[in-house]
């Protein structure tokens, strides 16, 4: 347990902003009028549990017109939808909740889902790329190419397909894509991270994918931001004897995702950040100066090189 707690501390330690948040704070409150999602349709694959559910709840609190949850487990989706409907009543937002079973790796099911949206005149304004797969801790050459590729299918290919469908929908309004990434993409040498190499590989590939999409797409059409949601509690942790108080609040990742789906976050287009970093500090001062001046800062690249020159 001591080793696990030490690893947790290492994975949460960061100094990009002076203020690091573990609990919700005013600047990313979904109830701020400046962050209102009124009139928007938000699609959250994997929104029934964990990080995805926390994000869905925050969009409900931010007065999104509709929140759509998809996933493979119907019962989980139904339970989440019921809780979100209650949240909408409690928050007095009147957000409509839609839940639909869909396996994102099944092309027929995903095509049917997007056809369903088109048939019903539903245009998505915000896509949260949240679904992810990982496997047991094992060296990558022992996992086997089939398992490694299956993680790439879920963590990269399925999100690319959904992004293509999302971007092709047109309603004349700017769209927002929020990629739920992970700190593993820049902690590859950490002993705990190295235990699941295929997950790290796929998350790195997905984050680079969204970075390239952002590079190819004007922020006025599609705003793309990748972020690490923090260490958020789920039922899997309870088997290890861990309790929710040891983890980051899911209100942090939820509020951050809402903030990222606004004009206030436009300066982070194509970059990767942590949800625990203070957004006011990101938006001004030395961090903002470096964002504006360094095209490689907070983006996937080769550590130590700026173009072909040493950093």
Protein backbone atom coordinates (compact mmCIF):
# COMPACT_ATOMS: atom_id res chain seq x y z
CA UNK A 1 0.00 0.00 0.00
CA UNK A 2 2.85 2.41 0.81
CA UNK A 3 4.39 1.83 -2.63
CA UNK A 4 1.01 2.42 -4.28
CA UNK A 5 0.50 5.67 -2.39
CA UNK A 6 4.00 6.80 -3.36
CA UNK A 7 3.21 6.09 -7.00
CA UNK A 8 -0.04 8.05 -6.69
CA UNK A 9 1.85 11.02 -5.30
CA UNK A 10 4.34 10.89 -8.19
CA UNK A 11 1.60 10.69 -10.82
CA UNK A 12 -0.21 13.70 -9.35
CA UNK A 13 2.83 15.91 -8.84
CA UNK A 14 3.07 18.87 -11.24
CA UNK A 15 4.28 22.48 -11.23
CA UNK A 16 3.18 23.96 -14.57
CA UNK A 17 0.94 26.39 -12.71
CA UNK A 18 1.62 27.56 -9.17
CA UNK A 19 -1.89 26.61 -8.13
CA UNK A 20 -2.87 22.96 -8.52
CA UNK A 21 -6.50 22.00 -7.99
CA UNK A 22 -7.90 18.78 -6.51
CA UNK A 23 -11.36 20.19 -5.87
CA UNK A 24 -13.68 22.34 -8.04
CA UNK A 25 -13.12 26.11 -8.16
CA UNK A 26 -14.93 29.17 -9.46
CA UNK A 27 -13.16 29.66 -12.82
CA UNK A 28 -14.34 26.29 -14.16
CA UNK A 29 -17.71 26.13 -12.44
CA UNK A 30 -20.27 24.80 -14.95
CA UNK A 31 -22.77 27.23 -13.46
CA UNK A 32 -20.79 30.31 -14.54
CA UNK A 33 -22.84 32.18 -17.15
CA UNK A 34 -19.66 32.65 -19.23
CA UNK A 35 -19.33 28.87 -19.58
CA UNK A 36 -22.95 28.21 -20.47
CA UNK A 37 -23.51 25.38 -22.93
CA UNK A 38 -27.09 26.43 -23.65
CA UNK A 39 -28.27 25.35 -27.08
CA UNK A 40 -25.48 22.79 -27.51
CA UNK A 41 -25.69 19.05 -28.10
CA UNK A 42 -22.89 17.16 -26.33
CA UNK A 43 -21.86 13.59 -27.23
CA UNK A 44 -19.90 11.61 -24.65
CA UNK A 45 -18.86 8.04 -25.53
CA UNK A 46 -18.28 6.16 -22.29
CA UNK A 47 -20.27 8.76 -20.38
CA UNK A 48 -21.93 6.22 -18.10
CA UNK A 49 -19.14 5.87 -15.56
CA UNK A 50 -15.99 7.45 -14.12
CA UNK A 51 -14.48 10.42 -15.91
CA UNK A 52 -17.10 10.32 -18.66
CA UNK A 53 -19.96 10.53 -16.18
CA UNK A 54 -18.30 13.39 -14.30
CA UNK A 55 -17.98 15.30 -17.58
CA UNK A 56 -21.60 14.53 -18.53
CA UNK A 57 -22.86 15.82 -15.19
CA UNK A 58 -20.94 19.08 -15.60
CA UNK A 59 -22.40 19.66 -19.06
CA UNK A 60 -25.87 19.11 -17.60
CA UNK A 61 -25.09 21.70 -14.92
CA UNK A 62 -23.85 24.05 -17.67
CA UNK A 63 -27.31 23.95 -19.29
CA UNK A 64 -26.42 21.90 -22.38
CA UNK A 65 -29.52 21.40 -24.50
CA UNK A 66 -28.86 17.66 -24.92
CA UNK A 67 -26.29 15.23 -23.52
CA UNK A 68 -25.90 11.96 -25.41
CA UNK A 69 -24.28 8.95 -23.73
CA UNK A 70 -23.13 5.92 -25.68
CA UNK A 71 -21.44 2.72 -24.59
CA UNK A 72 -21.70 -1.04 -24.75
CA UNK A 73 -23.41 -1.72 -21.40
CA UNK A 74 -27.10 -0.82 -21.58
CA UNK A 75 -27.78 -1.09 -17.85
CA UNK A 76 -24.90 1.25 -17.00
CA UNK A 77 -26.16 3.78 -19.54
CA UNK A 78 -29.71 3.59 -18.21
CA UNK A 79 -28.55 4.13 -14.63
CA UNK A 80 -26.33 7.06 -15.63
CA UNK A 81 -29.11 8.63 -17.69
CA UNK A 82 -31.50 8.44 -14.74
CA UNK A 83 -28.98 10.16 -12.46
CA UNK A 84 -28.30 12.86 -15.05
CA UNK A 85 -32.02 13.50 -15.50
CA UNK A 86 -32.27 13.98 -11.75
CA UNK A 87 -29.27 16.34 -11.90
CA UNK A 88 -31.01 18.33 -14.63
CA UNK A 89 -34.11 18.68 -12.45
CA UNK A 90 -32.04 19.66 -9.43
CA UNK A 91 -30.00 22.17 -11.44
CA UNK A 92 -33.12 23.44 -13.23
CA UNK A 93 -31.42 23.14 -16.64
CA UNK A 94 -33.99 21.06 -18.55
CA UNK A 95 -31.16 19.18 -20.28
CA UNK A 96 -32.41 16.27 -22.38
CA UNK A 97 -30.52 13.01 -21.82
CA UNK A 98 -30.23 10.44 -24.61
CA UNK A 99 -28.55 7.09 -24.08
CA UNK A 100 -27.78 4.64 -26.86
CA UNK A 101 -25.96 1.32 -26.90
CA UNK A 102 -23.06 1.40 -29.36
CA UNK A 103 -19.77 -0.45 -29.66
CA UNK A 104 -17.39 2.12 -31.13
CA UNK A 105 -15.23 -0.61 -32.66
CA UNK A 106 -18.17 -2.04 -34.60
CA UNK A 107 -18.46 -0.11 -37.87
CA UNK A 108 -22.05 -1.20 -38.49
CA UNK A 109 -23.15 -0.03 -35.03
CA UNK A 110 -21.30 3.28 -35.26
CA UNK A 111 -22.68 3.97 -38.73
CA UNK A 112 -26.18 3.17 -37.48
CA UNK A 113 -25.68 5.56 -34.56
CA UNK A 114 -24.69 8.49 -36.76
CA UNK A 115 -27.51 7.64 -39.19
CA UNK A 116 -29.86 7.76 -36.18
CA UNK A 117 -28.65 11.27 -35.33
CA UNK A 118 -29.03 12.43 -38.93
CA UNK A 119 -32.51 10.93 -39.25
CA UNK A 120 -33.61 12.74 -36.10
CA UNK A 121 -32.03 16.04 -37.09
CA UNK A 122 -29.49 15.98 -34.26
CA UNK A 123 -26.25 17.87 -34.88
CA UNK A 124 -23.49 17.47 -32.30
CA UNK A 125 -21.74 20.64 -31.13
CA UNK A 126 -19.32 19.12 -28.60
CA UNK A 127 -17.65 15.70 -28.87
CA UNK A 128 -15.82 14.30 -25.85
CA UNK A 129 -13.39 11.58 -26.97
CA UNK A 130 -13.49 9.57 -23.77
CA UNK A 131 -13.65 5.82 -24.48
CA UNK A 132 -10.44 3.90 -23.78
CA UNK A 133 -9.25 0.32 -23.41
CA UNK A 134 -6.32 -1.07 -21.45
CA UNK A 135 -5.24 -4.57 -20.51
CA UNK A 136 -3.32 -6.42 -17.82
CA UNK A 137 0.21 -5.23 -16.98
CA UNK A 138 2.53 -7.05 -19.37
CA UNK A 139 5.50 -6.18 -21.65
CA UNK A 140 4.34 -5.17 -25.11
CA UNK A 141 5.98 -8.14 -26.88
CA UNK A 142 4.18 -10.52 -24.52
CA UNK A 143 0.77 -8.92 -25.03
CA UNK A 144 0.73 -10.00 -28.65
CA UNK A 145 0.02 -7.92 -31.72
CA UNK A 146 -3.72 -8.70 -31.64
CA UNK A 147 -4.15 -7.22 -28.16
CA UNK A 148 -1.95 -4.21 -28.90
CA UNK A 149 -3.84 -3.56 -32.11
CA UNK A 150 -7.21 -3.91 -30.36
CA UNK A 151 -6.21 -1.09 -28.02
CA UNK A 152 -5.24 1.04 -31.00
CA UNK A 153 -8.60 0.20 -32.59
CA UNK A 154 -10.46 1.51 -29.54
CA UNK A 155 -8.20 4.32 -28.39
CA UNK A 156 -7.30 5.74 -31.80
CA UNK A 157 -9.27 4.44 -34.79
CA UNK A 158 -12.73 4.65 -33.20
CA UNK A 159 -12.12 8.25 -32.15
CA UNK A 160 -10.89 9.14 -35.64
CA UNK A 161 -14.07 7.70 -37.18
CA UNK A 162 -16.28 9.55 -34.71
CA UNK A 163 -14.39 12.78 -35.33
CA UNK A 164 -14.87 12.40 -39.09
CA UNK A 165 -18.61 11.95 -38.64
CA UNK A 166 -18.78 14.78 -36.11
CA UNK A 167 -16.90 17.23 -38.31
CA UNK A 168 -18.94 16.35 -41.39
CA UNK A 169 -22.15 17.41 -39.64
CA UNK A 170 -22.74 21.06 -40.40
CA UNK A 171 -24.99 23.58 -38.71
CA UNK A 172 -22.94 26.70 -39.35
CA UNK A 173 -21.67 26.82 -35.77
CA UNK A 174 -18.18 26.28 -34.38
CA UNK A 175 -17.60 22.80 -32.96
CA UNK A 176 -15.59 21.69 -29.94
CA UNK A 177 -13.64 18.45 -29.53
CA UNK A 178 -12.36 17.50 -26.08
CA UNK A 179 -9.92 14.58 -26.01
CA UNK A 180 -9.62 12.81 -22.66
CA UNK A 181 -5.94 11.88 -22.76
CA UNK A 182 -3.63 10.86 -19.90
CA UNK A 183 -0.44 11.91 -18.18
CA UNK A 184 1.07 8.58 -19.30
CA UNK A 185 1.93 10.17 -22.65
CA UNK A 186 4.73 12.20 -21.06
CA UNK A 187 5.66 9.81 -18.22
CA UNK A 188 6.76 6.83 -20.29
CA UNK A 189 9.81 6.16 -18.10
CA UNK A 190 7.78 5.95 -14.89
CA UNK A 191 7.75 2.40 -13.52
CA UNK A 192 3.99 2.37 -12.99
CA UNK A 193 3.26 3.73 -16.45
CA UNK A 194 5.67 1.29 -18.11
CA UNK A 195 3.57 -1.64 -16.86
CA UNK A 196 0.90 -0.95 -19.50
CA UNK A 197 2.89 -0.08 -22.63
CA UNK A 198 0.09 -0.66 -25.16
CA UNK A 199 -2.16 1.79 -23.33
CA UNK A 200 0.61 4.38 -23.32
CA UNK A 201 1.31 3.79 -27.02
CA UNK A 202 -2.34 4.17 -27.96
CA UNK A 203 -2.86 7.27 -25.82
CA UNK A 204 0.23 8.89 -27.34
CA UNK A 205 -1.05 8.06 -30.82
CA UNK A 206 -4.51 9.45 -30.07
CA UNK A 207 -3.15 12.68 -28.61
CA UNK A 208 -0.90 13.18 -31.63
CA UNK A 209 -3.87 12.41 -33.88
CA UNK A 210 -5.93 15.20 -32.33
CA UNK A 211 -2.92 17.51 -32.43
CA UNK A 212 -2.63 16.91 -36.19
CA UNK A 213 -6.37 17.41 -36.64
CA UNK A 214 -6.06 20.75 -34.84
CA UNK A 215 -3.09 21.71 -37.00
CA UNK A 216 -5.13 20.98 -40.13
CA UNK A 217 -8.33 22.65 -38.94
CA UNK A 218 -8.99 26.33 -38.20
CA UNK A 219 -9.94 26.91 -34.58
CA UNK A 220 -12.85 28.98 -35.86
CA UNK A 221 -14.34 25.75 -37.28
CA UNK A 222 -13.26 23.14 -34.74
CA UNK A 223 -11.53 23.78 -31.41
CA UNK A 224 -9.48 20.77 -30.26
CA UNK A 225 -7.99 20.36 -26.79
CA UNK A 226 -6.48 17.26 -25.14
CA UNK A 227 -6.32 16.97 -21.37
CA UNK A 228 -5.36 14.67 -18.53
CA UNK A 229 -8.45 14.33 -16.30
CA UNK A 230 -6.55 13.52 -13.11
CA UNK A 231 -6.76 10.39 -11.00
CA UNK A 232 -10.50 9.88 -10.65
CA UNK A 233 -12.02 7.17 -8.47
CA UNK A 234 -13.95 4.27 -9.92
CA UNK A 235 -15.10 0.89 -8.61
CA UNK A 236 -11.94 -0.85 -9.80
CA UNK A 237 -9.91 1.01 -7.17
CA UNK A 238 -12.01 -0.32 -4.29
CA UNK A 239 -10.60 -3.83 -4.78
CA UNK A 240 -7.19 -2.41 -3.87
CA UNK A 241 -8.51 -0.96 -0.63
CA UNK A 242 -8.45 2.62 -1.92
CA UNK A 243 -11.13 5.14 -0.96
CA UNK A 244 -12.55 8.11 -2.92
CA UNK A 245 -10.91 10.71 -0.68
CA UNK A 246 -7.50 9.75 -2.10
CA UNK A 247 -8.49 10.80 -5.62
CA UNK A 248 -9.15 13.95 -7.61
CA UNK A 249 -12.75 15.14 -7.67
CA UNK A 250 -14.54 14.29 -10.91
CA UNK A 251 -15.92 17.83 -10.73
CA UNK A 252 -12.43 19.03 -11.73
CA UNK A 253 -12.32 17.11 -15.03
CA UNK A 254 -15.99 17.87 -15.62
CA UNK A 255 -15.66 21.59 -15.07
CA UNK A 256 -12.46 21.71 -17.08
CA UNK A 257 -14.13 19.98 -20.03
CA UNK A 258 -16.95 22.54 -19.96
CA UNK A 259 -14.40 25.39 -19.84
CA UNK A 260 -12.47 23.78 -22.73
CA UNK A 261 -15.65 23.87 -24.81
CA UNK A 262 -15.75 27.69 -24.73
CA UNK A 263 -13.95 30.56 -26.41
CA UNK A 264 -12.01 31.14 -23.19
CA UNK A 265 -9.89 28.07 -23.96
CA UNK A 266 -9.24 28.86 -27.63
CA UNK A 267 -5.55 29.60 -26.97
CA UNK A 268 -5.04 25.89 -26.13
CA UNK A 269 -6.14 24.67 -29.57
CA UNK A 270 -4.09 21.56 -30.43
CA UNK A 271 -2.33 21.36 -27.07
CA UNK A 272 -2.31 19.02 -24.06
CA UNK A 273 -2.92 20.17 -20.49
CA UNK A 274 -3.89 18.82 -17.08
CA UNK A 275 -7.33 19.53 -15.64
CA UNK A 276 -5.70 20.31 -12.29
CA UNK A 277 -3.73 23.25 -13.70
CA UNK A 278 -5.21 26.62 -12.87
CA UNK A 279 -6.93 27.98 -15.99
CA UNK A 280 -6.40 31.62 -15.03
CA UNK A 281 -2.65 31.01 -14.76
CA UNK A 282 -2.65 29.14 -18.08
CA UNK A 283 -4.35 32.09 -19.75
CA UNK A 284 -1.84 34.71 -18.66
CA UNK A 285 1.70 35.27 -17.43
CA UNK A 286 4.74 33.13 -18.24
CA UNK A 287 2.81 29.99 -19.19
CA UNK A 288 0.64 31.87 -21.68
CA UNK A 289 3.70 33.65 -23.07
CA UNK A 290 5.35 30.32 -23.80
CA UNK A 291 2.16 28.93 -25.35
CA UNK A 292 2.03 31.92 -27.68
CA UNK A 293 5.73 31.80 -28.59
CA UNK A 294 6.69 28.09 -28.60
CA UNK A 295 4.88 25.92 -31.18
CA UNK A 296 6.19 22.75 -29.50
CA UNK A 297 5.16 23.63 -25.93
CA UNK A 298 2.48 21.25 -24.57
CA UNK A 299 2.45 19.36 -27.86
CA UNK A 300 3.68 15.90 -28.86
CA UNK A 301 7.21 15.98 -30.25
CA UNK A 302 10.70 14.69 -29.48
CA UNK A 303 11.95 15.90 -26.11
CA UNK A 304 15.04 18.07 -26.52
CA UNK A 305 14.46 19.14 -30.12
CA UNK A 306 12.81 22.28 -31.44
CA UNK A 307 12.65 21.60 -35.16
CA UNK A 308 16.14 20.20 -35.83
CA UNK A 309 17.81 22.21 -33.07
CA UNK A 310 18.49 21.53 -29.41
CA UNK A 311 16.03 23.21 -27.09
